[in-house]
């Protein structure tokens, strides 16, 4: 029987954020419509997992699918809501609203998973969110900020919190490769009708978009996989709070890869977030006694 490994959980959570933060840099260079981009990204992300299952002769069952379906469905709906929100409000408003998702995750972890974070975690969470807001308010608030878009962003934040909770629950009985594969397939099926209705067909990438979509599937896609690994070994609170790091790392990657300038206040906000999250990781207590992850898992992830 596999036991929880807090060190693995922390490492996976931190690594997942480092990889997920490449997402905005990749998206900025894609010309394909957003819904088509999501469709192909999910499909390509499923390929290496499907190959792994075929080569290792691992099998999935209907019970596995039933356990994965809620998280996959919510994840798919959340992707659609995110696209709709960004069409109706500014990117700044959307990011600020989404930045409060870790606090919602913290409350869910305390109420439904019996987590009891140290008092310092609450303090460093507030300082991290303060750094996020400082970082975001120094950015260009281009775009139309509408009430409907803000409400959709709020729905997206709630759905992402629910997705985290469902993933945490699923990982108590599924190993991470099985959950990741079925999660992606269910999300892909979920967005397919929306794509066919809105775009009246499936847009096909061309030129450089194929490489960018593949990079998105493999780099942030691996980040999603590591997030689900972390769910099996770390608290929901820790994994959720690590997501705040994306707001700081994404601008750093944009500066590194795209040459986008970082303002003084933005740099200060980024520093506050990174230091706060580092303190959260180092002060998060080890979980005792060891708990079961999945009696059927091969590698304990």
C-alpha atoms as a PDB file:
ATOM      1  CA  UNK A   1       0.000   0.000   0.000  1.00  0.00           C
ATOM      2  CA  UNK A   2       1.424   3.331  -1.049  1.00  0.00           C
ATOM      3  CA  UNK A   3       1.898   5.993   1.583  1.00  0.00           C
ATOM      4  CA  UNK A   4       1.943   9.744   1.337  1.00  0.00           C
ATOM      5  CA  UNK A   5       5.329  11.325   0.717  1.00  0.00           C
ATOM      6  CA  UNK A   6       5.145  15.016   1.696  1.00  0.00           C
ATOM      7  CA  UNK A   7       8.526  15.770   0.134  1.00  0.00           C
ATOM      8  CA  UNK A   8       7.314  14.446  -3.219  1.00  0.00           C
ATOM      9  CA  UNK A   9       4.084  16.421  -2.858  1.00  0.00           C
ATOM     10  CA  UNK A  10       5.921  19.710  -2.262  1.00  0.00           C
ATOM     11  CA  UNK A  11       8.397  19.096  -5.084  1.00  0.00           C
ATOM     12  CA  UNK A  12       5.604  18.196  -7.497  1.00  0.00           C
ATOM     13  CA  UNK A  13       3.559  21.282  -6.527  1.00  0.00           C
ATOM     14  CA  UNK A  14       6.506  23.643  -7.023  1.00  0.00           C
ATOM     15  CA  UNK A  15       7.566  21.990 -10.284  1.00  0.00           C
ATOM     16  CA  UNK A  16       4.011  22.086 -11.620  1.00  0.00           C
ATOM     17  CA  UNK A  17       3.842  25.861 -11.163  1.00  0.00           C
ATOM     18  CA  UNK A  18       7.205  26.310 -12.902  1.00  0.00           C
ATOM     19  CA  UNK A  19       5.869  24.417 -15.940  1.00  0.00           C
ATOM     20  CA  UNK A  20       2.330  25.818 -15.944  1.00  0.00           C
ATOM     21  CA  UNK A  21       3.722  29.353 -15.978  1.00  0.00           C
ATOM     22  CA  UNK A  22       4.956  28.806 -19.533  1.00  0.00           C
ATOM     23  CA  UNK A  23       1.306  28.721 -20.641  1.00  0.00           C
ATOM     24  CA  UNK A  24       0.705  32.472 -21.153  1.00  0.00           C
ATOM     25  CA  UNK A  25       3.991  32.866 -23.053  1.00  0.00           C
ATOM     26  CA  UNK A  26       2.982  30.095 -25.456  1.00  0.00           C
ATOM     27  CA  UNK A  27      -0.610  31.300 -25.859  1.00  0.00           C
ATOM     28  CA  UNK A  28       0.539  34.809 -26.791  1.00  0.00           C
ATOM     29  CA  UNK A  29       2.223  33.441 -29.903  1.00  0.00           C
ATOM     30  CA  UNK A  30      -0.661  31.260 -31.149  1.00  0.00           C
ATOM     31  CA  UNK A  31      -2.860  32.511 -33.980  1.00  0.00           C
ATOM     32  CA  UNK A  32      -5.502  29.765 -33.775  1.00  0.00           C
ATOM     33  CA  UNK A  33      -8.826  30.660 -32.110  1.00  0.00           C
ATOM     34  CA  UNK A  34      -8.893  29.919 -28.379  1.00  0.00           C
ATOM     35  CA  UNK A  35     -11.469  27.116 -28.502  1.00  0.00           C
ATOM     36  CA  UNK A  36      -9.588  25.311 -31.260  1.00  0.00           C
ATOM     37  CA  UNK A  37      -6.348  25.757 -29.354  1.00  0.00           C
ATOM     38  CA  UNK A  38      -7.854  24.096 -26.258  1.00  0.00           C
ATOM     39  CA  UNK A  39      -9.260  21.235 -28.365  1.00  0.00           C
ATOM     40  CA  UNK A  40      -5.929  20.340 -29.988  1.00  0.00           C
ATOM     41  CA  UNK A  41      -3.962  20.939 -26.801  1.00  0.00           C
ATOM     42  CA  UNK A  42      -6.023  18.364 -24.908  1.00  0.00           C
ATOM     43  CA  UNK A  43      -5.916  15.867 -27.761  1.00  0.00           C
ATOM     44  CA  UNK A  44      -2.117  16.059 -28.119  1.00  0.00           C
ATOM     45  CA  UNK A  45      -1.665  15.893 -24.325  1.00  0.00           C
ATOM     46  CA  UNK A  46      -3.546  12.576 -24.278  1.00  0.00           C
ATOM     47  CA  UNK A  47      -1.228  10.935 -26.850  1.00  0.00           C
ATOM     48  CA  UNK A  48       1.889  10.278 -24.673  1.00  0.00           C
ATOM     49  CA  UNK A  49      -0.307   9.028 -21.846  1.00  0.00           C
ATOM     50  CA  UNK A  50      -2.156   6.678 -24.209  1.00  0.00           C
ATOM     51  CA  UNK A  51       1.191   5.398 -25.537  1.00  0.00           C
ATOM     52  CA  UNK A  52       2.402   4.838 -21.973  1.00  0.00           C
ATOM     53  CA  UNK A  53      -0.687   2.784 -21.169  1.00  0.00           C
ATOM     54  CA  UNK A  54      -0.351   0.781 -24.377  1.00  0.00           C
ATOM     55  CA  UNK A  55       3.349   0.024 -23.867  1.00  0.00           C
ATOM     56  CA  UNK A  56       2.964  -0.831 -20.174  1.00  0.00           C
ATOM     57  CA  UNK A  57      -0.238  -2.796 -20.910  1.00  0.00           C
ATOM     58  CA  UNK A  58      -2.042  -0.992 -18.156  1.00  0.00           C
ATOM     59  CA  UNK A  59      -5.808  -1.010 -18.229  1.00  0.00           C
ATOM     60  CA  UNK A  60      -8.494   1.412 -17.173  1.00  0.00           C
ATOM     61  CA  UNK A  61     -11.906   0.326 -15.941  1.00  0.00           C
ATOM     62  CA  UNK A  62     -15.372   1.814 -15.998  1.00  0.00           C
ATOM     63  CA  UNK A  63     -14.957   2.431 -12.281  1.00  0.00           C
ATOM     64  CA  UNK A  64     -11.825   4.481 -13.030  1.00  0.00           C
ATOM     65  CA  UNK A  65     -13.776   6.473 -15.617  1.00  0.00           C
ATOM     66  CA  UNK A  66     -16.620   7.159 -13.178  1.00  0.00           C
ATOM     67  CA  UNK A  67     -14.151   8.412 -10.575  1.00  0.00           C
ATOM     68  CA  UNK A  68     -12.355  10.641 -13.094  1.00  0.00           C
ATOM     69  CA  UNK A  69     -15.426  11.970 -14.907  1.00  0.00           C
ATOM     70  CA  UNK A  70     -16.477  14.681 -12.409  1.00  0.00           C
ATOM     71  CA  UNK A  71     -13.027  16.301 -12.400  1.00  0.00           C
ATOM     72  CA  UNK A  72     -12.701  16.036 -16.183  1.00  0.00           C
ATOM     73  CA  UNK A  73     -16.149  17.482 -16.796  1.00  0.00           C
ATOM     74  CA  UNK A  74     -15.591  20.434 -14.466  1.00  0.00           C
ATOM     75  CA  UNK A  75     -12.145  21.031 -15.962  1.00  0.00           C
ATOM     76  CA  UNK A  76     -13.635  21.113 -19.465  1.00  0.00           C
ATOM     77  CA  UNK A  77     -16.434  23.488 -18.459  1.00  0.00           C
ATOM     78  CA  UNK A  78     -13.863  25.691 -16.720  1.00  0.00           C
ATOM     79  CA  UNK A  79     -11.851  25.958 -19.950  1.00  0.00           C
ATOM     80  CA  UNK A  80     -14.982  27.098 -21.794  1.00  0.00           C
ATOM     81  CA  UNK A  81     -15.895  29.599 -19.070  1.00  0.00           C
ATOM     82  CA  UNK A  82     -12.362  31.002 -19.193  1.00  0.00           C
ATOM     83  CA  UNK A  83     -12.634  31.647 -22.930  1.00  0.00           C
ATOM     84  CA  UNK A  84     -16.036  33.330 -22.539  1.00  0.00           C
ATOM     85  CA  UNK A  85     -14.837  35.441 -19.600  1.00  0.00           C
ATOM     86  CA  UNK A  86     -11.798  36.774 -21.433  1.00  0.00           C
ATOM     87  CA  UNK A  87     -14.066  37.825 -24.312  1.00  0.00           C
ATOM     88  CA  UNK A  88     -16.243  39.882 -21.976  1.00  0.00           C
ATOM     89  CA  UNK A  89     -13.865  41.439 -19.473  1.00  0.00           C
ATOM     90  CA  UNK A  90     -10.277  42.604 -19.286  1.00  0.00           C
ATOM     91  CA  UNK A  91      -7.447  40.151 -18.747  1.00  0.00           C
ATOM     92  CA  UNK A  92      -6.529  42.190 -15.657  1.00  0.00           C
ATOM     93  CA  UNK A  93      -9.953  41.747 -14.040  1.00  0.00           C
ATOM     94  CA  UNK A  94      -9.964  38.049 -14.880  1.00  0.00           C
ATOM     95  CA  UNK A  95      -6.519  37.462 -13.362  1.00  0.00           C
ATOM     96  CA  UNK A  96      -7.338  39.401 -10.188  1.00  0.00           C
ATOM     97  CA  UNK A  97     -10.535  37.408  -9.640  1.00  0.00           C
ATOM     98  CA  UNK A  98      -8.768  34.112 -10.346  1.00  0.00           C
ATOM     99  CA  UNK A  99      -5.957  35.042  -7.931  1.00  0.00           C
ATOM    100  CA  UNK A 100      -8.362  34.553  -5.019  1.00  0.00           C
ATOM    101  CA  UNK A 101      -8.906  30.908  -5.956  1.00  0.00           C
ATOM    102  CA  UNK A 102      -6.232  29.647  -3.519  1.00  0.00           C
ATOM    103  CA  UNK A 103      -8.146  31.208  -0.607  1.00  0.00           C
ATOM    104  CA  UNK A 104     -11.265  29.342  -1.710  1.00  0.00           C
ATOM    105  CA  UNK A 105      -9.185  26.158  -1.941  1.00  0.00           C
ATOM    106  CA  UNK A 106      -7.875  26.785   1.570  1.00  0.00           C
ATOM    107  CA  UNK A 107     -11.439  27.022   2.934  1.00  0.00           C
ATOM    108  CA  UNK A 108     -12.477  23.847   1.095  1.00  0.00           C
ATOM    109  CA  UNK A 109      -9.425  22.006   2.437  1.00  0.00           C
ATOM    110  CA  UNK A 110     -10.244  22.997   6.018  1.00  0.00           C
ATOM    111  CA  UNK A 111     -13.965  22.221   5.778  1.00  0.00           C
ATOM    112  CA  UNK A 112     -14.069  19.060   3.670  1.00  0.00           C
ATOM    113  CA  UNK A 113     -10.627  17.454   3.940  1.00  0.00           C
ATOM    114  CA  UNK A 114      -9.878  18.130   7.596  1.00  0.00           C
ATOM    115  CA  UNK A 115      -6.749  20.150   6.871  1.00  0.00           C
ATOM    116  CA  UNK A 116      -5.454  22.362   9.656  1.00  0.00           C
ATOM    117  CA  UNK A 117      -2.869  24.791   8.247  1.00  0.00           C
ATOM    118  CA  UNK A 118      -0.586  26.593  10.659  1.00  0.00           C
ATOM    119  CA  UNK A 119      -1.429  30.212  11.452  1.00  0.00           C
ATOM    120  CA  UNK A 120       1.664  31.283   9.500  1.00  0.00           C
ATOM    121  CA  UNK A 121       0.155  29.776   6.335  1.00  0.00           C
ATOM    122  CA  UNK A 122      -2.775  32.198   6.555  1.00  0.00           C
ATOM    123  CA  UNK A 123      -0.417  35.141   7.027  1.00  0.00           C
ATOM    124  CA  UNK A 124       1.869  34.203   4.136  1.00  0.00           C
ATOM    125  CA  UNK A 125      -1.207  33.522   1.977  1.00  0.00           C
ATOM    126  CA  UNK A 126      -2.383  37.092   2.480  1.00  0.00           C
ATOM    127  CA  UNK A 127       1.051  38.520   1.726  1.00  0.00           C
ATOM    128  CA  UNK A 128       1.260  36.383  -1.431  1.00  0.00           C
ATOM    129  CA  UNK A 129      -2.154  37.586  -2.611  1.00  0.00           C
ATOM    130  CA  UNK A 130      -1.080  41.152  -1.847  1.00  0.00           C
ATOM    131  CA  UNK A 131       1.950  40.625  -4.057  1.00  0.00           C
ATOM    132  CA  UNK A 132      -0.283  39.212  -6.813  1.00  0.00           C
ATOM    133  CA  UNK A 133      -2.586  42.235  -6.723  1.00  0.00           C
ATOM    134  CA  UNK A 134       0.415  44.596  -6.739  1.00  0.00           C
ATOM    135  CA  UNK A 135       1.852  42.755  -9.744  1.00  0.00           C
ATOM    136  CA  UNK A 136      -1.418  42.753 -11.672  1.00  0.00           C
ATOM    137  CA  UNK A 137      -2.269  46.398 -11.075  1.00  0.00           C
ATOM    138  CA  UNK A 138       1.006  47.445 -12.698  1.00  0.00           C
ATOM    139  CA  UNK A 139       0.018  45.716 -15.938  1.00  0.00           C
ATOM    140  CA  UNK A 140      -1.856  47.178 -18.880  1.00  0.00           C
ATOM    141  CA  UNK A 141      -5.570  46.904 -18.175  1.00  0.00           C
ATOM    142  CA  UNK A 142      -6.472  46.672 -21.847  1.00  0.00           C
ATOM    143  CA  UNK A 143      -9.780  45.109 -22.840  1.00  0.00           C
ATOM    144  CA  UNK A 144     -13.425  45.707 -22.055  1.00  0.00           C
ATOM    145  CA  UNK A 145     -14.318  45.125 -18.416  1.00  0.00           C
ATOM    146  CA  UNK A 146     -17.963  44.097 -18.274  1.00  0.00           C
ATOM    147  CA  UNK A 147     -20.177  42.817 -15.479  1.00  0.00           C
ATOM    148  CA  UNK A 148     -21.040  39.615 -17.347  1.00  0.00           C
ATOM    149  CA  UNK A 149     -17.331  38.911 -17.891  1.00  0.00           C
ATOM    150  CA  UNK A 150     -16.534  39.519 -14.237  1.00  0.00           C
ATOM    151  CA  UNK A 151     -19.330  37.142 -13.216  1.00  0.00           C
ATOM    152  CA  UNK A 152     -17.995  34.514 -15.622  1.00  0.00           C
ATOM    153  CA  UNK A 153     -14.522  34.952 -14.128  1.00  0.00           C
ATOM    154  CA  UNK A 154     -16.030  34.463 -10.685  1.00  0.00           C
ATOM    155  CA  UNK A 155     -17.731  31.283 -11.929  1.00  0.00           C
ATOM    156  CA  UNK A 156     -14.411  30.178 -13.387  1.00  0.00           C
ATOM    157  CA  UNK A 157     -12.704  30.698 -10.040  1.00  0.00           C
ATOM    158  CA  UNK A 158     -15.388  28.627  -8.292  1.00  0.00           C
ATOM    159  CA  UNK A 159     -15.166  25.875 -10.931  1.00  0.00           C
ATOM    160  CA  UNK A 160     -11.381  25.697 -10.656  1.00  0.00           C
ATOM    161  CA  UNK A 161     -11.704  25.363  -6.887  1.00  0.00           C
ATOM    162  CA  UNK A 162     -14.235  22.555  -7.402  1.00  0.00           C
ATOM    163  CA  UNK A 163     -11.881  20.922  -9.918  1.00  0.00           C
ATOM    164  CA  UNK A 164      -9.099  20.926  -7.313  1.00  0.00           C
ATOM    165  CA  UNK A 165     -11.386  19.357  -4.702  1.00  0.00           C
ATOM    166  CA  UNK A 166     -12.627  16.684  -7.137  1.00  0.00           C
ATOM    167  CA  UNK A 167      -9.061  15.896  -8.182  1.00  0.00           C
ATOM    168  CA  UNK A 168      -7.999  15.558  -4.558  1.00  0.00           C
ATOM    169  CA  UNK A 169     -10.882  13.132  -4.005  1.00  0.00           C
ATOM    170  CA  UNK A 170     -10.161  11.134  -7.165  1.00  0.00           C
ATOM    171  CA  UNK A 171      -6.474  10.778  -6.281  1.00  0.00           C
ATOM    172  CA  UNK A 172      -7.412   8.956  -3.094  1.00  0.00           C
ATOM    173  CA  UNK A 173      -8.362   5.960  -5.233  1.00  0.00           C
ATOM    174  CA  UNK A 174      -6.595   6.511  -8.582  1.00  0.00           C
ATOM    175  CA  UNK A 175      -2.927   6.785  -9.489  1.00  0.00           C
ATOM    176  CA  UNK A 176      -1.886   9.976 -11.273  1.00  0.00           C
ATOM    177  CA  UNK A 177      -1.347   8.541 -14.823  1.00  0.00           C
ATOM    178  CA  UNK A 178      -4.806   6.943 -14.860  1.00  0.00           C
ATOM    179  CA  UNK A 179      -6.531  10.033 -13.533  1.00  0.00           C
ATOM    180  CA  UNK A 180      -4.619  12.354 -15.875  1.00  0.00           C
ATOM    181  CA  UNK A 181      -5.488  10.348 -18.996  1.00  0.00           C
ATOM    182  CA  UNK A 182      -9.180  10.007 -18.172  1.00  0.00           C
ATOM    183  CA  UNK A 183      -9.381  13.621 -16.975  1.00  0.00           C
ATOM    184  CA  UNK A 184      -8.058  14.857 -20.330  1.00  0.00           C
ATOM    185  CA  UNK A 185     -10.360  12.608 -22.372  1.00  0.00           C
ATOM    186  CA  UNK A 186     -13.477  13.661 -20.435  1.00  0.00           C
ATOM    187  CA  UNK A 187     -12.524  17.350 -20.709  1.00  0.00           C
ATOM    188  CA  UNK A 188     -11.917  16.924 -24.454  1.00  0.00           C
ATOM    189  CA  UNK A 189     -15.339  15.346 -24.958  1.00  0.00           C
ATOM    190  CA  UNK A 190     -16.900  18.084 -22.827  1.00  0.00           C
ATOM    191  CA  UNK A 191     -15.605  20.956 -24.963  1.00  0.00           C
ATOM    192  CA  UNK A 192     -16.239  19.255 -28.311  1.00  0.00           C
ATOM    193  CA  UNK A 193     -19.946  20.235 -28.613  1.00  0.00           C
ATOM    194  CA  UNK A 194     -19.133  23.820 -27.609  1.00  0.00           C
ATOM    195  CA  UNK A 195     -16.443  23.994 -30.287  1.00  0.00           C
ATOM    196  CA  UNK A 196     -18.736  22.613 -32.994  1.00  0.00           C
ATOM    197  CA  UNK A 197     -21.504  25.083 -32.114  1.00  0.00           C
ATOM    198  CA  UNK A 198     -19.394  28.229 -31.670  1.00  0.00           C
ATOM    199  CA  UNK A 199     -16.858  27.657 -34.438  1.00  0.00           C
ATOM    200  CA  UNK A 200     -19.176  25.618 -36.716  1.00  0.00           C
ATOM    201  CA  UNK A 201     -16.421  23.057 -37.073  1.00  0.00           C
ATOM    202  CA  UNK A 202     -12.976  22.146 -35.816  1.00  0.00           C
ATOM    203  CA  UNK A 203     -10.305  24.698 -36.834  1.00  0.00           C
ATOM    204  CA  UNK A 204      -7.069  23.100 -37.993  1.00  0.00           C
ATOM    205  CA  UNK A 205      -3.745  24.621 -36.871  1.00  0.00           C
ATOM    206  CA  UNK A 206      -1.237  25.689 -39.465  1.00  0.00           C
ATOM    207  CA  UNK A 207       2.438  26.546 -39.593  1.00  0.00           C
ATOM    208  CA  UNK A 208       4.049  27.414 -36.274  1.00  0.00           C
ATOM    209  CA  UNK A 209       0.814  26.806 -34.324  1.00  0.00           C
ATOM    210  CA  UNK A 210       1.416  23.042 -34.388  1.00  0.00           C
ATOM    211  CA  UNK A 211       4.708  23.466 -32.518  1.00  0.00           C
ATOM    212  CA  UNK A 212       3.194  25.897 -30.036  1.00  0.00           C
ATOM    213  CA  UNK A 213       0.200  23.641 -29.332  1.00  0.00           C
ATOM    214  CA  UNK A 214       2.525  20.672 -28.867  1.00  0.00           C
ATOM    215  CA  UNK A 215       4.694  22.725 -26.493  1.00  0.00           C
ATOM    216  CA  UNK A 216       1.558  23.708 -24.569  1.00  0.00           C
ATOM    217  CA  UNK A 217       0.467  20.076 -24.310  1.00  0.00           C
ATOM    218  CA  UNK A 218       3.869  18.839 -23.157  1.00  0.00           C
ATOM    219  CA  UNK A 219       5.144  21.640 -20.899  1.00  0.00           C
ATOM    220  CA  UNK A 220       2.088  23.044 -19.036  1.00  0.00           C
ATOM    221  CA  UNK A 221       0.491  19.629 -19.654  1.00  0.00           C
ATOM    222  CA  UNK A 222       3.237  18.031 -17.577  1.00  0.00           C
ATOM    223  CA  UNK A 223       2.541  20.752 -15.014  1.00  0.00           C
ATOM    224  CA  UNK A 224      -1.075  19.571 -14.762  1.00  0.00           C
ATOM    225  CA  UNK A 225       0.156  16.005 -14.336  1.00  0.00           C
ATOM    226  CA  UNK A 226       2.505  17.052 -11.516  1.00  0.00           C
ATOM    227  CA  UNK A 227      -0.369  18.934  -9.869  1.00  0.00           C
ATOM    228  CA  UNK A 228      -2.289  15.675  -9.722  1.00  0.00           C
ATOM    229  CA  UNK A 229       0.797  13.912  -8.381  1.00  0.00           C
ATOM    230  CA  UNK A 230       0.940  16.572  -5.657  1.00  0.00           C
ATOM    231  CA  UNK A 231      -2.734  16.003  -4.809  1.00  0.00           C
ATOM    232  CA  UNK A 232      -1.811  12.481  -3.710  1.00  0.00           C
ATOM    233  CA  UNK A 233       0.935  13.587  -1.324  1.00  0.00           C
ATOM    234  CA  UNK A 234       0.339  17.199  -0.228  1.00  0.00           C
ATOM    235  CA  UNK A 235      -2.510  19.133   1.291  1.00  0.00           C
ATOM    236  CA  UNK A 236      -5.086  20.802  -0.926  1.00  0.00           C
ATOM    237  CA  UNK A 237      -4.145  24.091   0.743  1.00  0.00           C
ATOM    238  CA  UNK A 238      -0.485  23.828  -0.249  1.00  0.00           C
ATOM    239  CA  UNK A 239      -1.220  22.815  -3.850  1.00  0.00           C
ATOM    240  CA  UNK A 240      -3.770  25.602  -4.250  1.00  0.00           C
ATOM    241  CA  UNK A 241      -1.543  28.310  -2.826  1.00  0.00           C
ATOM    242  CA  UNK A 242       1.311  27.315  -5.125  1.00  0.00           C
ATOM    243  CA  UNK A 243      -0.856  28.423  -8.058  1.00  0.00           C
ATOM    244  CA  UNK A 244      -0.264  32.032  -7.018  1.00  0.00           C
ATOM    245  CA  UNK A 245       3.282  31.586  -8.235  1.00  0.00           C
ATOM    246  CA  UNK A 246       2.083  31.519 -11.844  1.00  0.00           C
ATOM    247  CA  UNK A 247       1.186  35.206 -11.657  1.00  0.00           C
ATOM    248  CA  UNK A 248       4.809  35.997 -10.847  1.00  0.00           C
ATOM    249  CA  UNK A 249       6.642  33.424 -12.944  1.00  0.00           C
ATOM    250  CA  UNK A 250       4.672  34.067 -16.151  1.00  0.00           C
ATOM    251  CA  UNK A 251       5.934  37.690 -16.453  1.00  0.00           C
ATOM    252  CA  UNK A 252       9.484  36.489 -15.754  1.00  0.00           C
ATOM    253  CA  UNK A 253       9.206  33.952 -18.577  1.00  0.00           C
ATOM    254  CA  UNK A 254       7.738  36.639 -20.856  1.00  0.00           C
ATOM    255  CA  UNK A 255      10.746  38.846 -20.059  1.00  0.00           C
ATOM    256  CA  UNK A 256      13.139  35.964 -20.699  1.00  0.00           C
ATOM    257  CA  UNK A 257      11.554  34.569 -23.889  1.00  0.00           C
ATOM    258  CA  UNK A 258       9.604  37.477 -25.401  1.00  0.00           C
ATOM    259  CA  UNK A 259      11.666  40.391 -24.113  1.00  0.00           C
ATOM    260  CA  UNK A 260       8.706  41.999 -22.318  1.00  0.00           C
ATOM    261  CA  UNK A 261       9.781  44.614 -19.797  1.00  0.00           C
ATOM    262  CA  UNK A 262       9.038  44.220 -16.091  1.00  0.00           C
ATOM    263  CA  UNK A 263       8.246  47.422 -14.199  1.00  0.00           C
ATOM    264  CA  UNK A 264       9.645  48.277 -10.793  1.00  0.00           C
ATOM    265  CA  UNK A 265       6.403  47.707  -8.849  1.00  0.00           C
ATOM    266  CA  UNK A 266       5.744  44.535 -10.788  1.00  0.00           C
ATOM    267  CA  UNK A 267       9.184  43.264  -9.797  1.00  0.00           C
ATOM    268  CA  UNK A 268       8.464  44.096  -6.136  1.00  0.00           C
ATOM    269  CA  UNK A 269       5.105  42.284  -6.296  1.00  0.00           C
ATOM    270  CA  UNK A 270       6.770  39.282  -7.930  1.00  0.00           C
ATOM    271  CA  UNK A 271       9.392  39.174  -5.189  1.00  0.00           C
ATOM    272  CA  UNK A 272       6.712  39.302  -2.475  1.00  0.00           C
ATOM    273  CA  UNK A 273       4.814  36.393  -4.047  1.00  0.00           C
ATOM    274  CA  UNK A 274       7.898  34.212  -4.506  1.00  0.00           C
ATOM    275  CA  UNK A 275       9.187  34.828  -0.966  1.00  0.00           C
ATOM    276  CA  UNK A 276       5.725  34.220   0.546  1.00  0.00           C
ATOM    277  CA  UNK A 277       5.278  30.946  -1.341  1.00  0.00           C
ATOM    278  CA  UNK A 278       8.787  29.819  -0.406  1.00  0.00           C
ATOM    279  CA  UNK A 279       7.936  30.402   3.257  1.00  0.00           C
ATOM    280  CA  UNK A 280       4.644  28.513   2.845  1.00  0.00           C
ATOM    281  CA  UNK A 281       6.458  25.498   1.398  1.00  0.00           C
ATOM    282  CA  UNK A 282       9.184  25.482   4.048  1.00  0.00           C
ATOM    283  CA  UNK A 283       6.795  25.955   6.984  1.00  0.00           C
ATOM    284  CA  UNK A 284       4.116  23.506   5.808  1.00  0.00           C
ATOM    285  CA  UNK A 285       4.114  20.668   8.342  1.00  0.00           C
ATOM    286  CA  UNK A 286       4.804  17.057   7.455  1.00  0.00           C
ATOM    287  CA  UNK A 287       1.637  14.968   7.473  1.00  0.00           C
ATOM    288  CA  UNK A 288       1.485  12.176  10.028  1.00  0.00           C
ATOM    289  CA  UNK A 289       0.650   9.406  10.163  1.00  0.00           C
ATOM    290  CA  UNK A 290       1.204   8.192   6.582  1.00  0.00           C
ATOM    291  CA  UNK A 291      -2.075   7.836   4.743  1.00  0.00           C
ATOM    292  CA  UNK A 292      -3.120   5.585   1.928  1.00  0.00           C
ATOM    293  CA  UNK A 293      -3.015   6.983  -1.596  1.00  0.00           C
ATOM    294  CA  UNK A 294      -4.225   4.038  -3.632  1.00  0.00           C
ATOM    295  CA  UNK A 295      -3.828   0.340  -2.862  1.00  0.00           C
ATOM    296  CA  UNK A 296      -3.758  -0.484  -6.592  1.00  0.00           C
ATOM    297  CA  UNK A 297      -1.179   2.089  -7.696  1.00  0.00           C
ATOM    298  CA  UNK A 298       2.136   0.868  -9.030  1.00  0.00           C
ATOM    299  CA  UNK A 299       4.383   3.793  -8.249  1.00  0.00           C
ATOM    300  CA  UNK A 300       2.582   5.566  -5.444  1.00  0.00           C
ATOM    301  CA  UNK A 301       2.110   8.737  -7.490  1.00  0.00           C
END
